[in-house]
């Protein structure tokens, strides 16, 4: 009986912690291009485009943030969300899918692999699955802009898409950009370090110095910031490759560490140790 009571208390405590984590988080908005806003809160950064053709939202954060996301959209536009594009399948980018579909009647778009992965996730409600999927590219002619959505294979995951607002000249590359920090590359879900680098360089080649970038995580950015980010990946990869070529086991490489100049890129989720493991 005591074990049962203890287990119940732990479960209640964990649930309360999970809720409290989001209790004081607010959704903030900044207009970063003509009729395009960057929204931040908890989880991946979002992009918002209002207009006569309906509100378009790129990503929608954690499930626990759903009502706050909806309220912020209503505050900014006076409308519900009509379209959602998921840049990939991770919960901090798709968690509000179900709520937006049920409460805003939103239509959700994503790559084929996103729907497939979410369909097999027992923790994800099927009501939030993307209704429209594609295997390569899709273009939305919406709210006076041309919005290009294109697939970039095997980088962060196997279902990544980037979204470029052509007239506004704003790019949302999802988690193919962690500004000012080491990225999470989901090796267990089709992610690949070399593919990640290739995809970032592809995106950099498509934009110019005036492009505003809404990264998956971190502050808004420029093309120069994006170049700095991919340079970091290539240089830290070269350091780890050199250690491995010298015969260092992973444990030795972890003990040796990266050059000191990379320490500011480490953060609570992707520490230097975890980044070395990814690269190794």
C-alpha atoms as a PDB file:
ATOM      1  CA  UNK A   1       0.000   0.000   0.000  1.00  0.00           C
ATOM      2  CA  UNK A   2       2.834   2.369   0.866  1.00  0.00           C
ATOM      3  CA  UNK A   3       4.505   1.657  -2.494  1.00  0.00           C
ATOM      4  CA  UNK A   4       1.226   2.384  -4.291  1.00  0.00           C
ATOM      5  CA  UNK A   5       0.785   5.667  -2.425  1.00  0.00           C
ATOM      6  CA  UNK A   6       4.386   6.639  -3.171  1.00  0.00           C
ATOM      7  CA  UNK A   7       3.997   5.835  -6.866  1.00  0.00           C
ATOM      8  CA  UNK A   8       0.775   7.861  -7.002  1.00  0.00           C
ATOM      9  CA  UNK A   9       2.432  10.797  -5.274  1.00  0.00           C
ATOM     10  CA  UNK A  10       5.365  10.707  -7.711  1.00  0.00           C
ATOM     11  CA  UNK A  11       3.005  10.582 -10.704  1.00  0.00           C
ATOM     12  CA  UNK A  12       0.966  13.517  -9.387  1.00  0.00           C
ATOM     13  CA  UNK A  13       4.128  15.468  -8.632  1.00  0.00           C
ATOM     14  CA  UNK A  14       5.511  14.837 -12.143  1.00  0.00           C
ATOM     15  CA  UNK A  15       2.211  15.847 -13.738  1.00  0.00           C
ATOM     16  CA  UNK A  16       2.137  19.049 -11.697  1.00  0.00           C
ATOM     17  CA  UNK A  17       5.730  19.803 -12.703  1.00  0.00           C
ATOM     18  CA  UNK A  18       4.886  19.273 -16.375  1.00  0.00           C
ATOM     19  CA  UNK A  19       1.988  21.711 -16.124  1.00  0.00           C
ATOM     20  CA  UNK A  20       3.942  24.240 -14.050  1.00  0.00           C
ATOM     21  CA  UNK A  21       6.702  24.240 -16.652  1.00  0.00           C
ATOM     22  CA  UNK A  22       4.366  25.993 -19.071  1.00  0.00           C
ATOM     23  CA  UNK A  23       2.272  27.989 -16.593  1.00  0.00           C
ATOM     24  CA  UNK A  24       4.175  31.271 -16.884  1.00  0.00           C
ATOM     25  CA  UNK A  25       5.253  30.958 -20.525  1.00  0.00           C
ATOM     26  CA  UNK A  26       3.884  33.671 -22.769  1.00  0.00           C
ATOM     27  CA  UNK A  27       3.674  33.758 -26.552  1.00  0.00           C
ATOM     28  CA  UNK A  28       5.581  36.742 -27.933  1.00  0.00           C
ATOM     29  CA  UNK A  29       5.246  38.057 -31.465  1.00  0.00           C
ATOM     30  CA  UNK A  30       7.480  40.174 -33.686  1.00  0.00           C
ATOM     31  CA  UNK A  31       6.819  41.219 -37.269  1.00  0.00           C
ATOM     32  CA  UNK A  32       9.923  40.121 -39.183  1.00  0.00           C
ATOM     33  CA  UNK A  33       8.734  40.682 -42.748  1.00  0.00           C
ATOM     34  CA  UNK A  34       5.781  42.066 -44.642  1.00  0.00           C
ATOM     35  CA  UNK A  35       2.776  40.318 -43.069  1.00  0.00           C
ATOM     36  CA  UNK A  36       4.951  37.631 -41.413  1.00  0.00           C
ATOM     37  CA  UNK A  37       5.405  37.371 -37.648  1.00  0.00           C
ATOM     38  CA  UNK A  38       7.811  35.298 -35.595  1.00  0.00           C
ATOM     39  CA  UNK A  39       6.141  33.760 -32.537  1.00  0.00           C
ATOM     40  CA  UNK A  40       8.120  32.415 -29.590  1.00  0.00           C
ATOM     41  CA  UNK A  41       7.065  30.633 -26.432  1.00  0.00           C
ATOM     42  CA  UNK A  42       8.001  27.095 -25.359  1.00  0.00           C
ATOM     43  CA  UNK A  43       9.354  24.776 -28.002  1.00  0.00           C
ATOM     44  CA  UNK A  44      10.085  25.520 -31.625  1.00  0.00           C
ATOM     45  CA  UNK A  45       9.687  29.012 -33.040  1.00  0.00           C
ATOM     46  CA  UNK A  46       6.588  29.629 -35.129  1.00  0.00           C
ATOM     47  CA  UNK A  47       5.802  31.802 -38.151  1.00  0.00           C
ATOM     48  CA  UNK A  48       2.410  33.456 -38.603  1.00  0.00           C
ATOM     49  CA  UNK A  49       0.903  34.935 -41.767  1.00  0.00           C
ATOM     50  CA  UNK A  50      -2.591  36.454 -41.546  1.00  0.00           C
ATOM     51  CA  UNK A  51      -4.695  37.631 -44.472  1.00  0.00           C
ATOM     52  CA  UNK A  52      -7.891  37.296 -46.477  1.00  0.00           C
ATOM     53  CA  UNK A  53      -7.090  33.725 -47.552  1.00  0.00           C
ATOM     54  CA  UNK A  54      -6.845  32.600 -43.941  1.00  0.00           C
ATOM     55  CA  UNK A  55      -4.251  32.498 -41.173  1.00  0.00           C
ATOM     56  CA  UNK A  56      -1.214  30.341 -41.930  1.00  0.00           C
ATOM     57  CA  UNK A  57       0.864  29.041 -39.003  1.00  0.00           C
ATOM     58  CA  UNK A  58       4.215  27.275 -39.288  1.00  0.00           C
ATOM     59  CA  UNK A  59       4.617  24.831 -36.373  1.00  0.00           C
ATOM     60  CA  UNK A  60       2.585  25.052 -33.170  1.00  0.00           C
ATOM     61  CA  UNK A  61       4.760  24.136 -30.149  1.00  0.00           C
ATOM     62  CA  UNK A  62       3.904  21.765 -27.290  1.00  0.00           C
ATOM     63  CA  UNK A  63       0.435  20.425 -26.579  1.00  0.00           C
ATOM     64  CA  UNK A  64       0.407  22.335 -23.276  1.00  0.00           C
ATOM     65  CA  UNK A  65       0.847  25.609 -25.203  1.00  0.00           C
ATOM     66  CA  UNK A  66      -2.113  25.074 -27.545  1.00  0.00           C
ATOM     67  CA  UNK A  67      -4.603  27.449 -25.934  1.00  0.00           C
ATOM     68  CA  UNK A  68      -1.956  30.148 -25.569  1.00  0.00           C
ATOM     69  CA  UNK A  69      -1.003  29.778 -29.226  1.00  0.00           C
ATOM     70  CA  UNK A  70      -4.655  30.030 -30.247  1.00  0.00           C
ATOM     71  CA  UNK A  71      -5.226  33.062 -28.031  1.00  0.00           C
ATOM     72  CA  UNK A  72      -2.186  34.861 -29.470  1.00  0.00           C
ATOM     73  CA  UNK A  73      -3.321  34.198 -33.021  1.00  0.00           C
ATOM     74  CA  UNK A  74      -6.782  35.544 -32.183  1.00  0.00           C
ATOM     75  CA  UNK A  75      -5.239  38.615 -30.546  1.00  0.00           C
ATOM     76  CA  UNK A  76      -3.055  39.395 -33.566  1.00  0.00           C
ATOM     77  CA  UNK A  77      -5.497  38.553 -36.348  1.00  0.00           C
ATOM     78  CA  UNK A  78      -9.002  38.305 -34.946  1.00  0.00           C
ATOM     79  CA  UNK A  79      -9.211  34.969 -36.776  1.00  0.00           C
ATOM     80  CA  UNK A  80      -8.670  31.277 -36.156  1.00  0.00           C
ATOM     81  CA  UNK A  81      -5.822  29.343 -37.743  1.00  0.00           C
ATOM     82  CA  UNK A  82      -6.844  27.982 -41.133  1.00  0.00           C
ATOM     83  CA  UNK A  83      -3.624  26.237 -42.178  1.00  0.00           C
ATOM     84  CA  UNK A  84      -0.748  24.702 -40.206  1.00  0.00           C
ATOM     85  CA  UNK A  85       2.507  23.472 -41.719  1.00  0.00           C
ATOM     86  CA  UNK A  86       4.581  21.082 -39.607  1.00  0.00           C
ATOM     87  CA  UNK A  87       8.304  21.381 -40.359  1.00  0.00           C
ATOM     88  CA  UNK A  88       8.878  17.899 -38.857  1.00  0.00           C
ATOM     89  CA  UNK A  89       7.340  15.497 -36.342  1.00  0.00           C
ATOM     90  CA  UNK A  90       8.851  16.420 -32.946  1.00  0.00           C
ATOM     91  CA  UNK A  91       6.375  17.251 -30.200  1.00  0.00           C
ATOM     92  CA  UNK A  92       7.679  20.756 -29.519  1.00  0.00           C
ATOM     93  CA  UNK A  93       6.660  21.629 -33.097  1.00  0.00           C
ATOM     94  CA  UNK A  94       3.443  19.631 -33.586  1.00  0.00           C
ATOM     95  CA  UNK A  95       1.976  19.288 -30.100  1.00  0.00           C
ATOM     96  CA  UNK A  96      -0.904  21.700 -30.691  1.00  0.00           C
ATOM     97  CA  UNK A  97      -2.045  20.025 -33.923  1.00  0.00           C
ATOM     98  CA  UNK A  98      -5.033  18.317 -32.369  1.00  0.00           C
ATOM     99  CA  UNK A  99      -6.252  21.380 -30.465  1.00  0.00           C
ATOM    100  CA  UNK A 100      -5.985  23.620 -33.531  1.00  0.00           C
ATOM    101  CA  UNK A 101      -7.801  21.084 -35.666  1.00  0.00           C
ATOM    102  CA  UNK A 102     -10.606  20.622 -33.134  1.00  0.00           C
ATOM    103  CA  UNK A 103     -10.971  24.256 -32.034  1.00  0.00           C
ATOM    104  CA  UNK A 104      -9.945  26.182 -35.167  1.00  0.00           C
ATOM    105  CA  UNK A 105     -10.810  23.586 -37.813  1.00  0.00           C
ATOM    106  CA  UNK A 106      -7.259  23.967 -39.107  1.00  0.00           C
ATOM    107  CA  UNK A 107      -5.955  22.006 -42.066  1.00  0.00           C
ATOM    108  CA  UNK A 108      -2.530  20.541 -41.324  1.00  0.00           C
ATOM    109  CA  UNK A 109       0.150  20.021 -43.990  1.00  0.00           C
ATOM    110  CA  UNK A 110       3.383  18.046 -43.627  1.00  0.00           C
ATOM    111  CA  UNK A 111       5.736  15.710 -45.406  1.00  0.00           C
ATOM    112  CA  UNK A 112       4.603  12.107 -45.881  1.00  0.00           C
ATOM    113  CA  UNK A 113       7.140  10.873 -43.314  1.00  0.00           C
ATOM    114  CA  UNK A 114       5.749  13.201 -40.628  1.00  0.00           C
ATOM    115  CA  UNK A 115       2.317  11.634 -40.844  1.00  0.00           C
ATOM    116  CA  UNK A 116       3.855   8.163 -40.903  1.00  0.00           C
ATOM    117  CA  UNK A 117       5.922   8.786 -37.769  1.00  0.00           C
ATOM    118  CA  UNK A 118       3.107  10.475 -35.870  1.00  0.00           C
ATOM    119  CA  UNK A 119       0.737   7.643 -36.848  1.00  0.00           C
ATOM    120  CA  UNK A 120       2.992   5.164 -35.071  1.00  0.00           C
ATOM    121  CA  UNK A 121       3.445   7.333 -31.969  1.00  0.00           C
ATOM    122  CA  UNK A 122       1.176   5.993 -29.223  1.00  0.00           C
ATOM    123  CA  UNK A 123       1.516   9.283 -27.332  1.00  0.00           C
ATOM    124  CA  UNK A 124       0.167  11.332 -30.248  1.00  0.00           C
ATOM    125  CA  UNK A 125      -3.563  11.686 -30.791  1.00  0.00           C
ATOM    126  CA  UNK A 126      -4.582  10.611 -34.293  1.00  0.00           C
ATOM    127  CA  UNK A 127      -6.903  13.627 -34.535  1.00  0.00           C
ATOM    128  CA  UNK A 128      -3.803  15.792 -34.925  1.00  0.00           C
ATOM    129  CA  UNK A 129      -2.370  13.939 -37.903  1.00  0.00           C
ATOM    130  CA  UNK A 130      -1.681  16.023 -41.017  1.00  0.00           C
ATOM    131  CA  UNK A 131      -4.572  15.791 -43.466  1.00  0.00           C
ATOM    132  CA  UNK A 132      -2.529  16.908 -46.462  1.00  0.00           C
ATOM    133  CA  UNK A 133       0.885  15.363 -47.092  1.00  0.00           C
ATOM    134  CA  UNK A 134       3.409  15.572 -49.919  1.00  0.00           C
ATOM    135  CA  UNK A 135       6.644  13.882 -50.915  1.00  0.00           C
ATOM    136  CA  UNK A 136       8.695  16.752 -52.333  1.00  0.00           C
ATOM    137  CA  UNK A 137       7.351  20.295 -52.614  1.00  0.00           C
ATOM    138  CA  UNK A 138       4.138  22.234 -52.333  1.00  0.00           C
ATOM    139  CA  UNK A 139       3.455  25.897 -53.092  1.00  0.00           C
ATOM    140  CA  UNK A 140       0.781  28.025 -51.436  1.00  0.00           C
ATOM    141  CA  UNK A 141      -0.406  31.166 -53.194  1.00  0.00           C
ATOM    142  CA  UNK A 142      -1.842  32.824 -50.144  1.00  0.00           C
ATOM    143  CA  UNK A 143      -2.399  36.254 -48.611  1.00  0.00           C
ATOM    144  CA  UNK A 144      -0.569  38.058 -51.397  1.00  0.00           C
ATOM    145  CA  UNK A 145       2.574  35.949 -51.093  1.00  0.00           C
ATOM    146  CA  UNK A 146       3.987  32.797 -52.628  1.00  0.00           C
ATOM    147  CA  UNK A 147       4.921  30.331 -49.909  1.00  0.00           C
ATOM    148  CA  UNK A 148       7.315  27.584 -50.961  1.00  0.00           C
ATOM    149  CA  UNK A 149       7.449  24.430 -48.846  1.00  0.00           C
ATOM    150  CA  UNK A 150      10.195  22.016 -49.825  1.00  0.00           C
ATOM    151  CA  UNK A 151      11.493  18.733 -48.492  1.00  0.00           C
ATOM    152  CA  UNK A 152      15.109  18.332 -47.383  1.00  0.00           C
ATOM    153  CA  UNK A 153      15.888  14.629 -46.860  1.00  0.00           C
ATOM    154  CA  UNK A 154      17.737  13.075 -43.953  1.00  0.00           C
ATOM    155  CA  UNK A 155      19.037  16.081 -42.065  1.00  0.00           C
ATOM    156  CA  UNK A 156      17.464  16.774 -38.674  1.00  0.00           C
ATOM    157  CA  UNK A 157      14.980  13.931 -39.304  1.00  0.00           C
ATOM    158  CA  UNK A 158      13.679  12.163 -42.409  1.00  0.00           C
ATOM    159  CA  UNK A 159      10.674  14.489 -42.699  1.00  0.00           C
ATOM    160  CA  UNK A 160      12.104  18.016 -42.609  1.00  0.00           C
ATOM    161  CA  UNK A 161      10.637  20.812 -44.682  1.00  0.00           C
ATOM    162  CA  UNK A 162      11.653  24.444 -44.937  1.00  0.00           C
ATOM    163  CA  UNK A 163       9.183  27.248 -45.646  1.00  0.00           C
ATOM    164  CA  UNK A 164      10.118  30.347 -47.632  1.00  0.00           C
ATOM    165  CA  UNK A 165       7.811  33.341 -47.913  1.00  0.00           C
ATOM    166  CA  UNK A 166       8.967  34.687 -51.271  1.00  0.00           C
ATOM    167  CA  UNK A 167       7.623  38.229 -51.269  1.00  0.00           C
ATOM    168  CA  UNK A 168       8.307  38.782 -47.562  1.00  0.00           C
ATOM    169  CA  UNK A 169      11.733  37.144 -47.990  1.00  0.00           C
ATOM    170  CA  UNK A 170      11.428  35.196 -44.743  1.00  0.00           C
ATOM    171  CA  UNK A 171      12.718  31.643 -44.290  1.00  0.00           C
ATOM    172  CA  UNK A 172      11.594  29.166 -41.632  1.00  0.00           C
ATOM    173  CA  UNK A 173      13.920  26.131 -41.857  1.00  0.00           C
ATOM    174  CA  UNK A 174      12.521  24.333 -38.818  1.00  0.00           C
ATOM    175  CA  UNK A 175      15.151  22.454 -36.844  1.00  0.00           C
ATOM    176  CA  UNK A 176      17.638  22.657 -39.666  1.00  0.00           C
ATOM    177  CA  UNK A 177      18.723  25.761 -37.741  1.00  0.00           C
ATOM    178  CA  UNK A 178      19.445  26.054 -34.021  1.00  0.00           C
ATOM    179  CA  UNK A 179      20.744  29.610 -33.866  1.00  0.00           C
ATOM    180  CA  UNK A 180      23.740  30.137 -31.573  1.00  0.00           C
ATOM    181  CA  UNK A 181      23.734  26.537 -30.271  1.00  0.00           C
ATOM    182  CA  UNK A 182      24.653  22.973 -31.163  1.00  0.00           C
ATOM    183  CA  UNK A 183      21.800  21.352 -33.115  1.00  0.00           C
ATOM    184  CA  UNK A 184      19.891  18.225 -32.235  1.00  0.00           C
ATOM    185  CA  UNK A 185      20.293  15.731 -35.064  1.00  0.00           C
ATOM    186  CA  UNK A 186      17.840  12.879 -34.528  1.00  0.00           C
ATOM    187  CA  UNK A 187      19.978   9.970 -35.717  1.00  0.00           C
ATOM    188  CA  UNK A 188      17.289   7.488 -34.699  1.00  0.00           C
ATOM    189  CA  UNK A 189      14.672   9.136 -36.931  1.00  0.00           C
ATOM    190  CA  UNK A 190      16.535   9.491 -40.195  1.00  0.00           C
ATOM    191  CA  UNK A 191      18.768  12.370 -39.170  1.00  0.00           C
ATOM    192  CA  UNK A 192      22.297  12.481 -40.556  1.00  0.00           C
ATOM    193  CA  UNK A 193      25.199  14.859 -39.883  1.00  0.00           C
ATOM    194  CA  UNK A 194      26.435  15.043 -43.483  1.00  0.00           C
ATOM    195  CA  UNK A 195      22.850  15.354 -44.725  1.00  0.00           C
ATOM    196  CA  UNK A 196      22.208  18.123 -42.216  1.00  0.00           C
ATOM    197  CA  UNK A 197      25.219  20.087 -43.478  1.00  0.00           C
ATOM    198  CA  UNK A 198      24.176  19.577 -47.105  1.00  0.00           C
ATOM    199  CA  UNK A 199      20.621  20.717 -46.393  1.00  0.00           C
ATOM    200  CA  UNK A 200      21.747  23.862 -44.583  1.00  0.00           C
ATOM    201  CA  UNK A 201      24.080  24.751 -47.446  1.00  0.00           C
ATOM    202  CA  UNK A 202      21.223  24.198 -49.898  1.00  0.00           C
ATOM    203  CA  UNK A 203      19.045  26.631 -47.952  1.00  0.00           C
ATOM    204  CA  UNK A 204      21.815  29.222 -47.672  1.00  0.00           C
ATOM    205  CA  UNK A 205      22.225  29.098 -51.451  1.00  0.00           C
ATOM    206  CA  UNK A 206      18.531  29.942 -51.915  1.00  0.00           C
ATOM    207  CA  UNK A 207      18.473  33.138 -49.799  1.00  0.00           C
ATOM    208  CA  UNK A 208      20.233  36.493 -49.768  1.00  0.00           C
ATOM    209  CA  UNK A 209      21.657  38.921 -47.234  1.00  0.00           C
ATOM    210  CA  UNK A 210      18.243  40.577 -46.777  1.00  0.00           C
ATOM    211  CA  UNK A 211      16.466  37.318 -45.880  1.00  0.00           C
ATOM    212  CA  UNK A 212      15.136  37.133 -42.333  1.00  0.00           C
ATOM    213  CA  UNK A 213      15.380  33.643 -40.865  1.00  0.00           C
ATOM    214  CA  UNK A 214      13.087  32.237 -38.189  1.00  0.00           C
ATOM    215  CA  UNK A 215      15.197  29.378 -36.811  1.00  0.00           C
ATOM    216  CA  UNK A 216      13.670  26.316 -35.238  1.00  0.00           C
ATOM    217  CA  UNK A 217      15.247  27.466 -31.987  1.00  0.00           C
ATOM    218  CA  UNK A 218      17.045  30.633 -30.961  1.00  0.00           C
ATOM    219  CA  UNK A 219      16.705  34.301 -31.932  1.00  0.00           C
ATOM    220  CA  UNK A 220      15.803  35.512 -35.421  1.00  0.00           C
ATOM    221  CA  UNK A 221      18.754  35.401 -37.751  1.00  0.00           C
ATOM    222  CA  UNK A 222      20.403  36.468 -40.980  1.00  0.00           C
ATOM    223  CA  UNK A 223      22.128  34.582 -43.769  1.00  0.00           C
ATOM    224  CA  UNK A 224      25.461  35.396 -42.084  1.00  0.00           C
ATOM    225  CA  UNK A 225      24.216  33.812 -38.850  1.00  0.00           C
ATOM    226  CA  UNK A 226      23.184  30.706 -40.774  1.00  0.00           C
ATOM    227  CA  UNK A 227      26.603  30.523 -42.439  1.00  0.00           C
ATOM    228  CA  UNK A 228      28.289  30.849 -39.046  1.00  0.00           C
ATOM    229  CA  UNK A 229      26.130  27.990 -37.776  1.00  0.00           C
ATOM    230  CA  UNK A 230      27.022  25.567 -40.567  1.00  0.00           C
ATOM    231  CA  UNK A 231      30.699  26.556 -40.311  1.00  0.00           C
ATOM    232  CA  UNK A 232      30.555  25.541 -36.647  1.00  0.00           C
ATOM    233  CA  UNK A 233      29.126  22.144 -37.566  1.00  0.00           C
ATOM    234  CA  UNK A 234      31.781  21.511 -40.193  1.00  0.00           C
ATOM    235  CA  UNK A 235      34.654  22.644 -37.978  1.00  0.00           C
ATOM    236  CA  UNK A 236      33.554  20.666 -34.909  1.00  0.00           C
ATOM    237  CA  UNK A 237      32.985  17.632 -37.132  1.00  0.00           C
ATOM    238  CA  UNK A 238      36.537  18.018 -38.456  1.00  0.00           C
ATOM    239  CA  UNK A 239      37.858  18.068 -34.878  1.00  0.00           C
ATOM    240  CA  UNK A 240      35.977  14.890 -33.958  1.00  0.00           C
ATOM    241  CA  UNK A 241      36.967  13.189 -37.223  1.00  0.00           C
ATOM    242  CA  UNK A 242      40.609  14.010 -36.481  1.00  0.00           C
ATOM    243  CA  UNK A 243      40.372  12.478 -33.004  1.00  0.00           C
ATOM    244  CA  UNK A 244      38.766   9.338 -34.385  1.00  0.00           C
ATOM    245  CA  UNK A 245      41.376   9.078 -37.159  1.00  0.00           C
ATOM    246  CA  UNK A 246      44.077   9.263 -34.501  1.00  0.00           C
ATOM    247  CA  UNK A 247      42.579   6.141 -32.976  1.00  0.00           C
ATOM    248  CA  UNK A 248      40.758   7.780 -30.087  1.00  0.00           C
ATOM    249  CA  UNK A 249      37.810   5.824 -28.742  1.00  0.00           C
ATOM    250  CA  UNK A 250      34.637   7.779 -28.031  1.00  0.00           C
ATOM    251  CA  UNK A 251      35.474   7.938 -24.313  1.00  0.00           C
ATOM    252  CA  UNK A 252      38.884   9.449 -25.113  1.00  0.00           C
ATOM    253  CA  UNK A 253      37.339  11.950 -27.501  1.00  0.00           C
ATOM    254  CA  UNK A 254      34.874  12.996 -24.805  1.00  0.00           C
ATOM    255  CA  UNK A 255      37.729  13.445 -22.376  1.00  0.00           C
ATOM    256  CA  UNK A 256      39.700  15.495 -24.880  1.00  0.00           C
ATOM    257  CA  UNK A 257      36.722  17.675 -25.768  1.00  0.00           C
ATOM    258  CA  UNK A 258      36.340  20.312 -28.453  1.00  0.00           C
ATOM    259  CA  UNK A 259      38.272  23.539 -28.824  1.00  0.00           C
ATOM    260  CA  UNK A 260      37.396  26.074 -26.137  1.00  0.00           C
ATOM    261  CA  UNK A 261      35.916  28.472 -28.683  1.00  0.00           C
ATOM    262  CA  UNK A 262      32.921  26.157 -29.109  1.00  0.00           C
ATOM    263  CA  UNK A 263      31.871  26.207 -25.448  1.00  0.00           C
ATOM    264  CA  UNK A 264      29.286  29.032 -25.926  1.00  0.00           C
ATOM    265  CA  UNK A 265      27.376  26.785 -28.343  1.00  0.00           C
ATOM    266  CA  UNK A 266      26.600  24.172 -25.681  1.00  0.00           C
ATOM    267  CA  UNK A 267      23.209  24.264 -23.945  1.00  0.00           C
ATOM    268  CA  UNK A 268      21.108  22.190 -21.581  1.00  0.00           C
ATOM    269  CA  UNK A 269      19.764  19.785 -24.227  1.00  0.00           C
ATOM    270  CA  UNK A 270      22.780  19.430 -26.527  1.00  0.00           C
ATOM    271  CA  UNK A 271      25.809  19.659 -24.286  1.00  0.00           C
ATOM    272  CA  UNK A 272      29.330  19.436 -25.664  1.00  0.00           C
ATOM    273  CA  UNK A 273      29.399  15.759 -24.670  1.00  0.00           C
ATOM    274  CA  UNK A 274      26.185  14.989 -26.531  1.00  0.00           C
ATOM    275  CA  UNK A 275      27.362  16.919 -29.588  1.00  0.00           C
ATOM    276  CA  UNK A 276      30.624  14.971 -29.696  1.00  0.00           C
ATOM    277  CA  UNK A 277      28.652  11.728 -29.477  1.00  0.00           C
ATOM    278  CA  UNK A 278      26.494  12.859 -32.394  1.00  0.00           C
ATOM    279  CA  UNK A 279      29.524  13.710 -34.504  1.00  0.00           C
ATOM    280  CA  UNK A 280      31.479  10.598 -33.539  1.00  0.00           C
END
